[in-house]
Structure formats: structure tokens, C-alpha cells
Amino acid sequence: MTTTVAVFKTNVKRRAQADRLLSLLNQSNPGCRINFDLDDCDKILRVEGNTLCCNKLIQLLKFNGHACEVLT
């Protein structure tokens, strides 16, 4: 099975925000490896897994008050 990697630019600034979002993202995307790089200027969200739905990830962050867009 092919693993897909998606990278997103976010406006998540604090570790507490990232930890709360990681909990939600892990629940809705079981089996994926998900992490934030808050030291990067784009506050990167990186998701790796076999089945990814980028729109679903973006909507989850937006629903929780954060900007999120696919980084190209």
C-alpha cells in the first residue's frame, strides 16, 4: 500500500493548541502519523498515511478556529 504525505501551512502558535488538535486529528485519522512543526515559519502540519482526505483535515482545523492550507 502506498503511503501519502501531506504538508499544510497553519496558524497554530502554541504547543497546547497543537496538542489538542493532534488529539482530534489522531481520532479522525487512525493509523496516520501526524505532527506539528511550530518552529517553522509556516507552523507546519505534516500528515503521513495510507488514506488521507486533505479537505477533511483542513475543515477540522478551521472548525476549531485555525487557518490551514495545503503547502505547495
N, C-alpha and C. Protein backbone atom coordinates (compact mmCIF):
# COMPACT_ATOMS: atom_id res chain seq x y z
N MET A 1 0.84 -1.18 0.00
CA MET A 1 0.00 0.00 0.00
C MET A 1 0.89 1.25 0.00
N THR A 2 0.52 2.24 -0.76
CA THR A 2 1.32 3.45 -0.89
C THR A 2 1.02 4.43 0.25
N THR A 3 2.07 4.95 0.84
CA THR A 3 1.92 5.95 1.89
C THR A 3 1.94 7.33 1.25
N THR A 4 1.01 8.17 1.67
CA THR A 4 0.91 9.54 1.18
C THR A 4 1.35 10.49 2.28
N VAL A 5 2.03 11.56 1.88
CA VAL A 5 2.43 12.60 2.83
C VAL A 5 1.79 13.91 2.38
N ALA A 6 1.15 14.59 3.31
CA ALA A 6 0.57 15.90 3.03
C ALA A 6 1.14 16.90 4.03
N VAL A 7 1.46 18.09 3.52
CA VAL A 7 2.05 19.13 4.36
C VAL A 7 1.16 20.37 4.26
N PHE A 8 0.84 20.94 5.43
CA PHE A 8 -0.07 22.07 5.50
C PHE A 8 0.57 23.24 6.22
N LYS A 9 0.21 24.43 5.80
CA LYS A 9 0.58 25.67 6.49
C LYS A 9 -0.57 26.00 7.42
N THR A 10 -0.26 26.30 8.69
CA THR A 10 -1.30 26.61 9.67
C THR A 10 -0.96 27.91 10.40
N ASN A 11 -1.87 28.32 11.27
CA ASN A 11 -1.58 29.46 12.15
C ASN A 11 -1.57 29.03 13.61
N VAL A 12 -1.32 27.76 13.86
CA VAL A 12 -1.24 27.23 15.22
C VAL A 12 0.07 27.74 15.83
N LYS A 13 -0.04 28.44 16.96
CA LYS A 13 1.15 29.08 17.53
C LYS A 13 1.67 28.41 18.79
N ARG A 14 0.77 27.85 19.59
CA ARG A 14 1.18 27.33 20.89
C ARG A 14 1.10 25.80 20.93
N ARG A 15 2.00 25.22 21.72
CA ARG A 15 2.07 23.77 21.85
C ARG A 15 0.76 23.21 22.39
N ALA A 16 0.11 23.92 23.31
CA ALA A 16 -1.16 23.44 23.87
C ALA A 16 -2.22 23.33 22.78
N GLN A 17 -2.25 24.30 21.87
CA GLN A 17 -3.19 24.24 20.74
C GLN A 17 -2.87 23.03 19.87
N ALA A 18 -1.60 22.86 19.56
CA ALA A 18 -1.17 21.76 18.70
C ALA A 18 -1.52 20.41 19.34
N ASP A 19 -1.30 20.28 20.63
CA ASP A 19 -1.59 19.02 21.32
C ASP A 19 -3.08 18.70 21.27
N ARG A 20 -3.93 19.71 21.47
CA ARG A 20 -5.38 19.49 21.42
C ARG A 20 -5.80 19.07 20.01
N LEU A 21 -5.24 19.75 19.00
CA LEU A 21 -5.57 19.42 17.61
C LEU A 21 -5.04 18.04 17.23
N LEU A 22 -3.85 17.69 17.72
CA LEU A 22 -3.30 16.36 17.43
C LEU A 22 -4.22 15.27 17.96
N SER A 23 -4.79 15.49 19.13
CA SER A 23 -5.72 14.52 19.69
C SER A 23 -6.93 14.33 18.77
N LEU A 24 -7.50 15.43 18.31
CA LEU A 24 -8.64 15.37 17.39
C LEU A 24 -8.26 14.74 16.06
N LEU A 25 -7.11 15.13 15.53
CA LEU A 25 -6.67 14.61 14.23
C LEU A 25 -6.38 13.11 14.31
N ASN A 26 -5.77 12.67 15.40
CA ASN A 26 -5.49 11.24 15.56
C ASN A 26 -6.77 10.42 15.68
N GLN A 27 -7.79 10.98 16.32
CA GLN A 27 -9.07 10.28 16.43
C GLN A 27 -9.74 10.12 15.07
N SER A 28 -9.66 11.17 14.26
CA SER A 28 -10.35 11.13 12.97
C SER A 28 -9.51 10.51 11.85
N ASN A 29 -8.23 10.26 12.12
CA ASN A 29 -7.33 9.69 11.11
C ASN A 29 -6.48 8.58 11.73
N PRO A 30 -7.13 7.50 12.19
CA PRO A 30 -6.37 6.43 12.82
C PRO A 30 -5.37 5.81 11.84
N GLY A 31 -4.21 5.48 12.37
CA GLY A 31 -3.19 4.87 11.54
C GLY A 31 -2.28 5.86 10.84
N CYS A 32 -2.58 7.14 10.95
CA CYS A 32 -1.73 8.17 10.32
C CYS A 32 -0.71 8.67 11.33
N ARG A 33 0.44 9.09 10.81
CA ARG A 33 1.45 9.76 11.63
C ARG A 33 1.24 11.26 11.41
N ILE A 34 1.01 12.00 12.50
CA ILE A 34 0.65 13.40 12.41
C ILE A 34 1.52 14.19 13.38
N ASN A 35 2.09 15.30 12.91
CA ASN A 35 2.84 16.15 13.82
C ASN A 35 2.85 17.60 13.34
N PHE A 36 3.11 18.49 14.28
CA PHE A 36 3.27 19.92 14.00
C PHE A 36 4.73 20.30 14.15
N ASP A 37 5.19 21.21 13.31
CA ASP A 37 6.50 21.85 13.47
C ASP A 37 6.22 23.33 13.70
N LEU A 38 6.10 23.69 14.98
CA LEU A 38 5.77 25.07 15.32
C LEU A 38 6.98 26.00 15.24
N ASP A 39 8.17 25.44 15.08
CA ASP A 39 9.38 26.27 14.92
C ASP A 39 9.50 26.79 13.49
N ASP A 40 8.86 26.13 12.55
CA ASP A 40 8.86 26.57 11.15
C ASP A 40 7.99 27.82 11.02
N CYS A 41 8.38 28.73 10.15
CA CYS A 41 7.62 29.98 9.97
C CYS A 41 6.21 29.73 9.48
N ASP A 42 5.95 28.60 8.83
CA ASP A 42 4.62 28.27 8.33
C ASP A 42 3.82 27.40 9.29
N LYS A 43 4.37 27.14 10.50
CA LYS A 43 3.66 26.34 11.52
C LYS A 43 3.11 25.06 10.88
N ILE A 44 4.01 24.27 10.37
CA ILE A 44 3.71 23.10 9.53
C ILE A 44 2.94 22.01 10.27
N LEU A 45 1.93 21.49 9.60
CA LEU A 45 1.24 20.26 10.00
C LEU A 45 1.60 19.23 8.94
N ARG A 46 2.17 18.10 9.37
CA ARG A 46 2.57 17.04 8.45
C ARG A 46 1.78 15.78 8.78
N VAL A 47 1.17 15.21 7.76
CA VAL A 47 0.35 14.02 7.94
C VAL A 47 0.83 12.95 6.97
N GLU A 48 1.06 11.75 7.49
CA GLU A 48 1.52 10.63 6.66
C GLU A 48 0.62 9.44 6.92
N GLY A 49 0.10 8.86 5.83
CA GLY A 49 -0.77 7.70 6.00
C GLY A 49 -1.17 7.10 4.67
N ASN A 50 -1.91 6.01 4.75
CA ASN A 50 -2.35 5.31 3.55
C ASN A 50 -3.59 5.93 2.93
N THR A 51 -4.44 6.52 3.76
CA THR A 51 -5.65 7.16 3.24
C THR A 51 -5.77 8.54 3.88
N LEU A 52 -5.60 9.56 3.09
CA LEU A 52 -5.69 10.93 3.58
C LEU A 52 -6.80 11.66 2.84
N CYS A 53 -7.52 12.47 3.58
CA CYS A 53 -8.50 13.37 2.97
C CYS A 53 -8.12 14.78 3.40
N CYS A 54 -7.41 15.49 2.53
CA CYS A 54 -6.90 16.82 2.86
C CYS A 54 -8.02 17.77 3.24
N ASN A 55 -9.14 17.71 2.53
CA ASN A 55 -10.25 18.61 2.83
C ASN A 55 -10.79 18.37 4.24
N LYS A 56 -10.84 17.12 4.64
CA LYS A 56 -11.32 16.77 5.98
C LYS A 56 -10.39 17.34 7.05
N LEU A 57 -9.09 17.24 6.82
CA LEU A 57 -8.11 17.78 7.77
C LEU A 57 -8.23 19.30 7.86
N ILE A 58 -8.34 19.95 6.72
CA ILE A 58 -8.46 21.41 6.69
C ILE A 58 -9.72 21.85 7.41
N GLN A 59 -10.84 21.17 7.15
CA GLN A 59 -12.10 21.54 7.78
C GLN A 59 -12.04 21.34 9.30
N LEU A 60 -11.37 20.30 9.76
CA LEU A 60 -11.25 20.07 11.19
C LEU A 60 -10.51 21.22 11.86
N LEU A 61 -9.41 21.66 11.27
CA LEU A 61 -8.67 22.78 11.84
C LEU A 61 -9.49 24.06 11.79
N LYS A 62 -10.14 24.32 10.66
CA LYS A 62 -10.95 25.54 10.54
C LYS A 62 -12.11 25.52 11.53
N PHE A 63 -12.75 24.38 11.72
CA PHE A 63 -13.84 24.26 12.68
C PHE A 63 -13.37 24.60 14.09
N ASN A 64 -12.09 24.34 14.36
CA ASN A 64 -11.51 24.62 15.67
C ASN A 64 -10.79 25.96 15.73
N GLY A 65 -11.05 26.84 14.73
CA GLY A 65 -10.57 28.21 14.79
C GLY A 65 -9.19 28.47 14.24
N HIS A 66 -8.68 27.58 13.41
CA HIS A 66 -7.33 27.75 12.88
C HIS A 66 -7.32 27.74 11.36
N ALA A 67 -6.42 28.52 10.80
CA ALA A 67 -6.23 28.52 9.35
C ALA A 67 -5.40 27.29 8.98
N CYS A 68 -5.68 26.75 7.81
CA CYS A 68 -4.95 25.58 7.34
C CYS A 68 -5.08 25.51 5.84
N GLU A 69 -3.95 25.37 5.14
CA GLU A 69 -3.97 25.22 3.69
C GLU A 69 -2.83 24.32 3.26
N VAL A 70 -3.06 23.62 2.16
CA VAL A 70 -2.04 22.72 1.63
C VAL A 70 -0.83 23.55 1.21
N LEU A 71 0.33 23.12 1.62
CA LEU A 71 1.57 23.80 1.24
C LEU A 71 2.09 23.19 -0.04
N THR A 72 2.29 24.03 -1.04
CA THR A 72 2.76 23.53 -2.34
C THR A 72 4.20 23.91 -2.60
